[in-house]
Amino acid sequence: MRKILGMTAAAAIAFMANAVSADEVKGPIEKIDMTNNTFHVGGKKFTASAENTVGVKLSDLQEGDNVRVQFANPEAAGGKPINAMQLEKQ
């Protein structure tokens, strides 16, 4: 039982460490592509989805709106759009 609790605690700590290490960018939306659920802020291309992105819906935004985008590990995207974890209208 202690082993299971220890593993659960370790997983929770690792999850929190990833959440804390999230990067963010603020600025106006430069471009929106609703067909692919992508948008550009600060020269970076992001993707937003109902399953993975918390906050305002991409369909409720338009080019020029100021937003704050939180994301993690852009290098893992490998040239693909970066997954937006949180999207807020400013």
PDB file of N, CA and C in Angstrom:
ATOM      1  N   MET A   1       0.821  -1.192   0.000  1.00  0.00           N
ATOM      2  CA  MET A   1       0.000   0.000   0.000  1.00  0.00           C
ATOM      3  C   MET A   1       0.866   1.257   0.000  1.00  0.00           C
ATOM      4  N   ARG A   2       1.930   1.257   0.808  1.00  0.00           N
ATOM      5  CA  ARG A   2       2.823   2.419   0.867  1.00  0.00           C
ATOM      6  C   ARG A   2       3.507   2.649  -0.468  1.00  0.00           C
ATOM      7  N   LYS A   3       3.837   1.564  -1.150  1.00  0.00           N
ATOM      8  CA  LYS A   3       4.500   1.678  -2.450  1.00  0.00           C
ATOM      9  C   LYS A   3       3.579   2.386  -3.453  1.00  0.00           C
ATOM     10  N   ILE A   4       2.306   2.034  -3.448  1.00  0.00           N
ATOM     11  CA  ILE A   4       1.334   2.665  -4.349  1.00  0.00           C
ATOM     12  C   ILE A   4       1.172   4.133  -4.011  1.00  0.00           C
ATOM     13  N   LEU A   5       1.072   4.453  -2.725  1.00  0.00           N
ATOM     14  CA  LEU A   5       0.955   5.857  -2.309  1.00  0.00           C
ATOM     15  C   LEU A   5       2.192   6.646  -2.699  1.00  0.00           C
ATOM     16  N   GLY A   6       3.361   6.043  -2.550  1.00  0.00           N
ATOM     17  CA  GLY A   6       4.608   6.710  -2.929  1.00  0.00           C
ATOM     18  C   GLY A   6       4.665   6.988  -4.420  1.00  0.00           C
ATOM     19  N   MET A   7       4.230   6.031  -5.224  1.00  0.00           N
ATOM     20  CA  MET A   7       4.229   6.215  -6.674  1.00  0.00           C
ATOM     21  C   MET A   7       3.220   7.291  -7.079  1.00  0.00           C
ATOM     22  N   THR A   8       2.071   7.321  -6.434  1.00  0.00           N
ATOM     23  CA  THR A   8       1.053   8.326  -6.718  1.00  0.00           C
ATOM     24  C   THR A   8       1.562   9.715  -6.363  1.00  0.00           C
ATOM     25  N   ALA A   9       2.215   9.834  -5.219  1.00  0.00           N
ATOM     26  CA  ALA A   9       2.766  11.129  -4.801  1.00  0.00           C
ATOM     27  C   ALA A   9       3.848  11.595  -5.773  1.00  0.00           C
ATOM     28  N   ALA A  10       4.693  10.687  -6.223  1.00  0.00           N
ATOM     29  CA  ALA A  10       5.751  11.044  -7.167  1.00  0.00           C
ATOM     30  C   ALA A  10       5.154  11.520  -8.495  1.00  0.00           C
ATOM     31  N   ALA A  11       4.108  10.865  -8.944  1.00  0.00           N
ATOM     32  CA  ALA A  11       3.456  11.270 -10.190  1.00  0.00           C
ATOM     33  C   ALA A  11       2.827  12.649 -10.048  1.00  0.00           C
ATOM     34  N   ALA A  12       2.215  12.919  -8.897  1.00  0.00           N
ATOM     35  CA  ALA A  12       1.593  14.235  -8.654  1.00  0.00           C
ATOM     36  C   ALA A  12       2.647  15.330  -8.638  1.00  0.00           C
ATOM     37  N   ILE A  13       3.778  15.074  -8.018  1.00  0.00           N
ATOM     38  CA  ILE A  13       4.853  16.067  -7.975  1.00  0.00           C
ATOM     39  C   ILE A  13       5.400  16.327  -9.374  1.00  0.00           C
ATOM     40  N   ALA A  14       5.573  15.287 -10.163  1.00  0.00           N
ATOM     41  CA  ALA A  14       6.056  15.456 -11.540  1.00  0.00           C
ATOM     42  C   ALA A  14       5.063  16.262 -12.364  1.00  0.00           C
ATOM     43  N   PHE A  15       3.773  16.007 -12.182  1.00  0.00           N
ATOM     44  CA  PHE A  15       2.742  16.756 -12.906  1.00  0.00           C
ATOM     45  C   PHE A  15       2.785  18.229 -12.533  1.00  0.00           C
ATOM     46  N   MET A  16       2.914  18.531 -11.244  1.00  0.00           N
ATOM     47  CA  MET A  16       2.970  19.923 -10.787  1.00  0.00           C
ATOM     48  C   MET A  16       4.223  20.614 -11.318  1.00  0.00           C
ATOM     49  N   ALA A  17       5.325  19.909 -11.394  1.00  0.00           N
ATOM     50  CA  ALA A  17       6.562  20.499 -11.910  1.00  0.00           C
ATOM     51  C   ALA A  17       6.386  20.882 -13.373  1.00  0.00           C
ATOM     52  N   ASN A  18       5.698  20.049 -14.148  1.00  0.00           N
ATOM     53  CA  ASN A  18       5.432  20.385 -15.552  1.00  0.00           C
ATOM     54  C   ASN A  18       4.514  21.586 -15.658  1.00  0.00           C
ATOM     55  N   ALA A  19       3.506  21.679 -14.814  1.00  0.00           N
ATOM     56  CA  ALA A  19       2.570  22.801 -14.851  1.00  0.00           C
ATOM     57  C   ALA A  19       3.281  24.101 -14.516  1.00  0.00           C
ATOM     58  N   VAL A  20       4.192  24.058 -13.561  1.00  0.00           N
ATOM     59  CA  VAL A  20       4.909  25.258 -13.153  1.00  0.00           C
ATOM     60  C   VAL A  20       5.865  25.719 -14.244  1.00  0.00           C
ATOM     61  N   SER A  21       6.397  24.793 -15.028  1.00  0.00           N
ATOM     62  CA  SER A  21       7.389  25.145 -16.029  1.00  0.00           C
ATOM     63  C   SER A  21       6.767  25.614 -17.350  1.00  0.00           C
ATOM     64  N   ALA A  22       5.487  25.869 -17.361  1.00  0.00           N
ATOM     65  CA  ALA A  22       4.824  26.317 -18.575  1.00  0.00           C
ATOM     66  C   ALA A  22       5.317  27.711 -18.976  1.00  0.00           C
ATOM     67  N   ASP A  23       5.453  27.923 -20.263  1.00  0.00           N
ATOM     68  CA  ASP A  23       5.807  29.228 -20.802  1.00  0.00           C
ATOM     69  C   ASP A  23       4.531  29.965 -21.167  1.00  0.00           C
ATOM     70  N   GLU A  24       4.653  31.260 -21.394  1.00  0.00           N
ATOM     71  CA  GLU A  24       3.490  32.026 -21.836  1.00  0.00           C
ATOM     72  C   GLU A  24       3.938  33.132 -22.773  1.00  0.00           C
ATOM     73  N   VAL A  25       3.000  33.547 -23.594  1.00  0.00           N
ATOM     74  CA  VAL A  25       3.211  34.668 -24.498  1.00  0.00           C
ATOM     75  C   VAL A  25       1.949  35.520 -24.450  1.00  0.00           C
ATOM     76  N   LYS A  26       2.140  36.832 -24.489  1.00  0.00           N
ATOM     77  CA  LYS A  26       1.015  37.765 -24.509  1.00  0.00           C
ATOM     78  C   LYS A  26       1.135  38.634 -25.745  1.00  0.00           C
ATOM     79  N   GLY A  27      -0.011  38.991 -26.309  1.00  0.00           N
ATOM     80  CA  GLY A  27      -0.004  39.889 -27.450  1.00  0.00           C
ATOM     81  C   GLY A  27      -1.246  39.734 -28.289  1.00  0.00           C
ATOM     82  N   PRO A  28      -1.292  40.484 -29.390  1.00  0.00           N
ATOM     83  CA  PRO A  28      -2.457  40.390 -30.269  1.00  0.00           C
ATOM     84  C   PRO A  28      -2.394  39.141 -31.147  1.00  0.00           C
ATOM     85  N   ILE A  29      -3.565  38.630 -31.469  1.00  0.00           N
ATOM     86  CA  ILE A  29      -3.641  37.511 -32.407  1.00  0.00           C
ATOM     87  C   ILE A  29      -3.323  38.051 -33.794  1.00  0.00           C
ATOM     88  N   GLU A  30      -2.301  37.474 -34.406  1.00  0.00           N
ATOM     89  CA  GLU A  30      -1.862  37.927 -35.719  1.00  0.00           C
ATOM     90  C   GLU A  30      -2.655  37.284 -36.853  1.00  0.00           C
ATOM     91  N   LYS A  31      -3.056  36.025 -36.650  1.00  0.00           N
ATOM     92  CA  LYS A  31      -3.780  35.289 -37.688  1.00  0.00           C
ATOM     93  C   LYS A  31      -4.563  34.160 -37.027  1.00  0.00           C
ATOM     94  N   ILE A  32      -5.769  33.901 -37.524  1.00  0.00           N
ATOM     95  CA  ILE A  32      -6.584  32.771 -37.051  1.00  0.00           C
ATOM     96  C   ILE A  32      -6.977  31.923 -38.258  1.00  0.00           C
ATOM     97  N   ASP A  33      -6.862  30.607 -38.105  1.00  0.00           N
ATOM     98  CA  ASP A  33      -7.294  29.654 -39.120  1.00  0.00           C
ATOM     99  C   ASP A  33      -8.286  28.702 -38.448  1.00  0.00           C
ATOM    100  N   MET A  34      -9.573  28.996 -38.561  1.00  0.00           N
ATOM    101  CA  MET A  34     -10.599  28.196 -37.895  1.00  0.00           C
ATOM    102  C   MET A  34     -10.709  26.789 -38.486  1.00  0.00           C
ATOM    103  N   THR A  35     -10.331  26.607 -39.742  1.00  0.00           N
ATOM    104  CA  THR A  35     -10.389  25.282 -40.364  1.00  0.00           C
ATOM    105  C   THR A  35      -9.458  24.314 -39.649  1.00  0.00           C
ATOM    106  N   ASN A  36      -8.267  24.798 -39.265  1.00  0.00           N
ATOM    107  CA  ASN A  36      -7.278  23.946 -38.601  1.00  0.00           C
ATOM    108  C   ASN A  36      -7.171  24.213 -37.099  1.00  0.00           C
ATOM    109  N   ASN A  37      -8.021  25.095 -36.556  1.00  0.00           N
ATOM    110  CA  ASN A  37      -7.985  25.467 -35.135  1.00  0.00           C
ATOM    111  C   ASN A  37      -6.614  25.971 -34.706  1.00  0.00           C
ATOM    112  N   THR A  38      -6.007  26.807 -35.545  1.00  0.00           N
ATOM    113  CA  THR A  38      -4.701  27.364 -35.231  1.00  0.00           C
ATOM    114  C   THR A  38      -4.768  28.884 -35.192  1.00  0.00           C
ATOM    115  N   PHE A  39      -3.796  29.464 -34.478  1.00  0.00           N
ATOM    116  CA  PHE A  39      -3.691  30.914 -34.406  1.00  0.00           C
ATOM    117  C   PHE A  39      -2.242  31.290 -34.133  1.00  0.00           C
ATOM    118  N   HIS A  40      -1.882  32.522 -34.466  1.00  0.00           N
ATOM    119  CA  HIS A  40      -0.516  33.011 -34.304  1.00  0.00           C
ATOM    120  C   HIS A  40      -0.487  34.158 -33.302  1.00  0.00           C
ATOM    121  N   VAL A  41       0.433  34.076 -32.343  1.00  0.00           N
ATOM    122  CA  VAL A  41       0.676  35.152 -31.371  1.00  0.00           C
ATOM    123  C   VAL A  41       2.187  35.214 -31.155  1.00  0.00           C
ATOM    124  N   GLY A  42       2.749  36.410 -31.224  1.00  0.00           N
ATOM    125  CA  GLY A  42       4.170  36.575 -30.961  1.00  0.00           C
ATOM    126  C   GLY A  42       5.061  35.787 -31.894  1.00  0.00           C
ATOM    127  N   GLY A  43       4.620  35.593 -33.122  1.00  0.00           N
ATOM    128  CA  GLY A  43       5.417  34.855 -34.094  1.00  0.00           C
ATOM    129  C   GLY A  43       5.388  33.345 -33.928  1.00  0.00           C
ATOM    130  N   LYS A  44       4.582  32.831 -33.000  1.00  0.00           N
ATOM    131  CA  LYS A  44       4.456  31.394 -32.775  1.00  0.00           C
ATOM    132  C   LYS A  44       3.085  30.922 -33.252  1.00  0.00           C
ATOM    133  N   LYS A  45       3.057  29.707 -33.776  1.00  0.00           N
ATOM    134  CA  LYS A  45       1.803  29.118 -34.240  1.00  0.00           C
ATOM    135  C   LYS A  45       1.304  28.130 -33.185  1.00  0.00           C
ATOM    136  N   PHE A  46       0.060  28.334 -32.734  1.00  0.00           N
ATOM    137  CA  PHE A  46      -0.551  27.507 -31.699  1.00  0.00           C
ATOM    138  C   PHE A  46      -1.765  26.785 -32.253  1.00  0.00           C
ATOM    139  N   THR A  47      -2.124  25.695 -31.588  1.00  0.00           N
ATOM    140  CA  THR A  47      -3.373  25.014 -31.864  1.00  0.00           C
ATOM    141  C   THR A  47      -4.213  25.017 -30.587  1.00  0.00           C
ATOM    142  N   ALA A  48      -5.518  25.152 -30.753  1.00  0.00           N
ATOM    143  CA  ALA A  48      -6.448  25.152 -29.619  1.00  0.00           C
ATOM    144  C   ALA A  48      -7.527  24.116 -29.889  1.00  0.00           C
ATOM    145  N   SER A  49      -7.875  23.363 -28.857  1.00  0.00           N
ATOM    146  CA  SER A  49      -8.942  22.376 -29.006  1.00  0.00           C
ATOM    147  C   SER A  49      -9.792  22.346 -27.748  1.00  0.00           C
ATOM    148  N   ALA A  50     -11.016  21.936 -27.911  1.00  0.00           N
ATOM    149  CA  ALA A  50     -11.941  21.862 -26.772  1.00  0.00           C
ATOM    150  C   ALA A  50     -11.468  20.849 -25.734  1.00  0.00           C
ATOM    151  N   GLU A  51     -10.746  19.825 -26.163  1.00  0.00           N
ATOM    152  CA  GLU A  51     -10.285  18.778 -25.253  1.00  0.00           C
ATOM    153  C   GLU A  51      -9.035  19.173 -24.474  1.00  0.00           C
ATOM    154  N   ASN A  52      -8.157  19.994 -25.074  1.00  0.00           N
ATOM    155  CA  ASN A  52      -6.855  20.258 -24.463  1.00  0.00           C
ATOM    156  C   ASN A  52      -6.624  21.691 -24.022  1.00  0.00           C
ATOM    157  N   THR A  53      -7.453  22.618 -24.423  1.00  0.00           N
ATOM    158  CA  THR A  53      -7.212  24.026 -24.124  1.00  0.00           C
ATOM    159  C   THR A  53      -8.272  24.542 -23.154  1.00  0.00           C
ATOM    160  N   VAL A  54      -7.810  25.155 -22.066  1.00  0.00           N
ATOM    161  CA  VAL A  54      -8.691  25.726 -21.057  1.00  0.00           C
ATOM    162  C   VAL A  54      -8.819  27.218 -21.329  1.00  0.00           C
ATOM    163  N   GLY A  55     -10.004  27.751 -21.126  1.00  0.00           N
ATOM    164  CA  GLY A  55     -10.209  29.192 -21.277  1.00  0.00           C
ATOM    165  C   GLY A  55     -11.164  29.516 -22.407  1.00  0.00           C
ATOM    166  N   VAL A  56     -10.936  30.673 -23.007  1.00  0.00           N
ATOM    167  CA  VAL A  56     -11.812  31.166 -24.055  1.00  0.00           C
ATOM    168  C   VAL A  56     -11.709  30.279 -25.306  1.00  0.00           C
ATOM    169  N   LYS A  57     -12.816  30.130 -26.012  1.00  0.00           N
ATOM    170  CA  LYS A  57     -12.835  29.348 -27.247  1.00  0.00           C
ATOM    171  C   LYS A  57     -12.225  30.171 -28.373  1.00  0.00           C
ATOM    172  N   LEU A  58     -11.520  29.513 -29.252  1.00  0.00           N
ATOM    173  CA  LEU A  58     -10.914  30.185 -30.396  1.00  0.00           C
ATOM    174  C   LEU A  58     -11.974  30.848 -31.261  1.00  0.00           C
ATOM    175  N   SER A  59     -13.144  30.241 -31.346  1.00  0.00           N
ATOM    176  CA  SER A  59     -14.222  30.796 -32.166  1.00  0.00           C
ATOM    177  C   SER A  59     -14.767  32.112 -31.605  1.00  0.00           C
ATOM    178  N   ASP A  60     -14.476  32.400 -30.327  1.00  0.00           N
ATOM    179  CA  ASP A  60     -14.917  33.649 -29.708  1.00  0.00           C
ATOM    180  C   ASP A  60     -13.901  34.782 -29.871  1.00  0.00           C
ATOM    181  N   LEU A  61     -12.795  34.500 -30.545  1.00  0.00           N
ATOM    182  CA  LEU A  61     -11.738  35.494 -30.733  1.00  0.00           C
ATOM    183  C   LEU A  61     -11.644  35.908 -32.196  1.00  0.00           C
ATOM    184  N   GLN A  62     -10.964  37.026 -32.410  1.00  0.00           N
ATOM    185  CA  GLN A  62     -10.707  37.475 -33.782  1.00  0.00           C
ATOM    186  C   GLN A  62      -9.318  38.079 -33.857  1.00  0.00           C
ATOM    187  N   GLU A  63      -8.810  38.206 -35.056  1.00  0.00           N
ATOM    188  CA  GLU A  63      -7.494  38.789 -35.255  1.00  0.00           C
ATOM    189  C   GLU A  63      -7.449  40.179 -34.630  1.00  0.00           C
ATOM    190  N   GLY A  64      -6.355  40.473 -33.923  1.00  0.00           N
ATOM    191  CA  GLY A  64      -6.196  41.750 -33.252  1.00  0.00           C
ATOM    192  C   GLY A  64      -6.539  41.705 -31.769  1.00  0.00           C
ATOM    193  N   ASP A  65      -7.299  40.692 -31.322  1.00  0.00           N
ATOM    194  CA  ASP A  65      -7.611  40.557 -29.894  1.00  0.00           C
ATOM    195  C   ASP A  65      -6.327  40.266 -29.118  1.00  0.00           C
ATOM    196  N   ASN A  66      -6.163  40.926 -27.972  1.00  0.00           N
ATOM    197  CA  ASN A  66      -5.020  40.651 -27.098  1.00  0.00           C
ATOM    198  C   ASN A  66      -5.325  39.444 -26.238  1.00  0.00           C
ATOM    199  N   VAL A  67      -4.379  38.500 -26.208  1.00  0.00           N
ATOM    200  CA  VAL A  67      -4.554  37.257 -25.471  1.00  0.00           C
ATOM    201  C   VAL A  67      -3.296  36.918 -24.682  1.00  0.00           C
ATOM    202  N   ARG A  68      -3.472  36.000 -23.745  1.00  0.00           N
ATOM    203  CA  ARG A  68      -2.357  35.385 -23.025  1.00  0.00           C
ATOM    204  C   ARG A  68      -2.464  33.893 -23.283  1.00  0.00           C
ATOM    205  N   VAL A  69      -1.370  33.293 -23.755  1.00  0.00           N
ATOM    206  CA  VAL A  69      -1.351  31.872 -24.087  1.00  0.00           C
ATOM    207  C   VAL A  69      -0.313  31.185 -23.207  1.00  0.00           C
ATOM    208  N   GLN A  70      -0.719  30.151 -22.495  1.00  0.00           N
ATOM    209  CA  GLN A  70       0.218  29.328 -21.740  1.00  0.00           C
ATOM    210  C   GLN A  70       0.423  28.034 -22.502  1.00  0.00           C
ATOM    211  N   PHE A  71       1.682  27.607 -22.583  1.00  0.00           N
ATOM    212  CA  PHE A  71       2.015  26.398 -23.329  1.00  0.00           C
ATOM    213  C   PHE A  71       3.230  25.745 -22.692  1.00  0.00           C
ATOM    214  N   ALA A  72       3.475  24.488 -23.021  1.00  0.00           N
ATOM    215  CA  ALA A  72       4.630  23.766 -22.492  1.00  0.00           C
ATOM    216  C   ALA A  72       5.363  23.070 -23.626  1.00  0.00           C
ATOM    217  N   ASN A  73       6.659  23.030 -23.491  1.00  0.00           N
ATOM    218  CA  ASN A  73       7.529  22.238 -24.353  1.00  0.00           C
ATOM    219  C   ASN A  73       7.302  22.451 -25.849  1.00  0.00           C
ATOM    220  N   PRO A  74       7.587  23.664 -26.358  1.00  0.00           N
ATOM    221  CA  PRO A  74       7.400  23.896 -27.792  1.00  0.00           C
ATOM    222  C   PRO A  74       8.322  23.064 -28.664  1.00  0.00           C
ATOM    223  N   GLU A  75       9.449  22.590 -28.125  1.00  0.00           N
ATOM    224  CA  GLU A  75      10.369  21.767 -28.918  1.00  0.00           C
ATOM    225  C   GLU A  75       9.754  20.421 -29.277  1.00  0.00           C
ATOM    226  N   ALA A  76       8.838  19.926 -28.442  1.00  0.00           N
ATOM    227  CA  ALA A  76       8.193  18.636 -28.697  1.00  0.00           C
ATOM    228  C   ALA A  76       7.256  18.702 -29.896  1.00  0.00           C
ATOM    229  N   ALA A  77       6.863  19.911 -30.293  1.00  0.00           N
ATOM    230  CA  ALA A  77       5.944  20.052 -31.417  1.00  0.00           C
ATOM    231  C   ALA A  77       6.604  19.660 -32.732  1.00  0.00           C
ATOM    232  N   GLY A  78       7.913  19.778 -32.828  1.00  0.00           N
ATOM    233  CA  GLY A  78       8.625  19.350 -34.036  1.00  0.00           C
ATOM    234  C   GLY A  78       8.149  20.033 -35.298  1.00  0.00           C
ATOM    235  N   GLY A  79       7.963  21.340 -35.253  1.00  0.00           N
ATOM    236  CA  GLY A  79       7.526  22.084 -36.432  1.00  0.00           C
ATOM    237  C   GLY A  79       6.013  22.181 -36.568  1.00  0.00           C
ATOM    238  N   LYS A  80       5.290  21.409 -35.793  1.00  0.00           N
ATOM    239  CA  LYS A  80       3.827  21.482 -35.801  1.00  0.00           C
ATOM    240  C   LYS A  80       3.392  22.615 -34.881  1.00  0.00           C
ATOM    241  N   PRO A  81       2.127  23.034 -34.949  1.00  0.00           N
ATOM    242  CA  PRO A  81       1.648  24.063 -34.018  1.00  0.00           C
ATOM    243  C   PRO A  81       1.808  23.621 -32.566  1.00  0.00           C
ATOM    244  N   ILE A  82       2.130  24.570 -31.705  1.00  0.00           N
ATOM    245  CA  ILE A  82       2.300  24.313 -30.279  1.00  0.00           C
ATOM    246  C   ILE A  82       0.920  24.209 -29.633  1.00  0.00           C
ATOM    247  N   ASN A  83       0.721  23.222 -28.776  1.00  0.00           N
ATOM    248  CA  ASN A  83      -0.555  23.054 -28.091  1.00  0.00           C
ATOM    249  C   ASN A  83      -0.723  24.141 -27.030  1.00  0.00           C
ATOM    250  N   ALA A  84      -1.772  24.943 -27.163  1.00  0.00           N
ATOM    251  CA  ALA A  84      -2.090  25.962 -26.163  1.00  0.00           C
ATOM    252  C   ALA A  84      -2.803  25.296 -25.001  1.00  0.00           C
ATOM    253  N   MET A  85      -2.204  25.339 -23.799  1.00  0.00           N
ATOM    254  CA  MET A  85      -2.815  24.744 -22.626  1.00  0.00           C
ATOM    255  C   MET A  85      -3.904  25.647 -22.066  1.00  0.00           C
ATOM    256  N   GLN A  86      -3.636  26.955 -22.067  1.00  0.00           N
ATOM    257  CA  GLN A  86      -4.618  27.928 -21.563  1.00  0.00           C
ATOM    258  C   GLN A  86      -4.622  29.139 -22.472  1.00  0.00           C
ATOM    259  N   LEU A  87      -5.816  29.627 -22.772  1.00  0.00           N
ATOM    260  CA  LEU A  87      -5.992  30.766 -23.661  1.00  0.00           C
ATOM    261  C   LEU A  87      -6.938  31.748 -22.991  1.00  0.00           C
ATOM    262  N   GLU A  88      -6.440  32.973 -22.731  1.00  0.00           N
ATOM    263  CA  GLU A  88      -7.239  33.990 -22.065  1.00  0.00           C
ATOM    264  C   GLU A  88      -7.263  35.254 -22.902  1.00  0.00           C
ATOM    265  N   LYS A  89      -8.439  35.865 -22.992  1.00  0.00           N
ATOM    266  CA  LYS A  89      -8.542  37.164 -23.635  1.00  0.00           C
ATOM    267  C   LYS A  89      -8.176  38.229 -22.611  1.00  0.00           C
ATOM    268  N   GLN A  90      -7.340  39.166 -22.992  1.00  0.00           N
ATOM    269  CA  GLN A  90      -6.869  40.216 -22.075  1.00  0.00           C
ATOM    270  C   GLN A  90      -7.701  41.460 -22.216  1.00  0.00           C
TER     271      GLN A  90
END
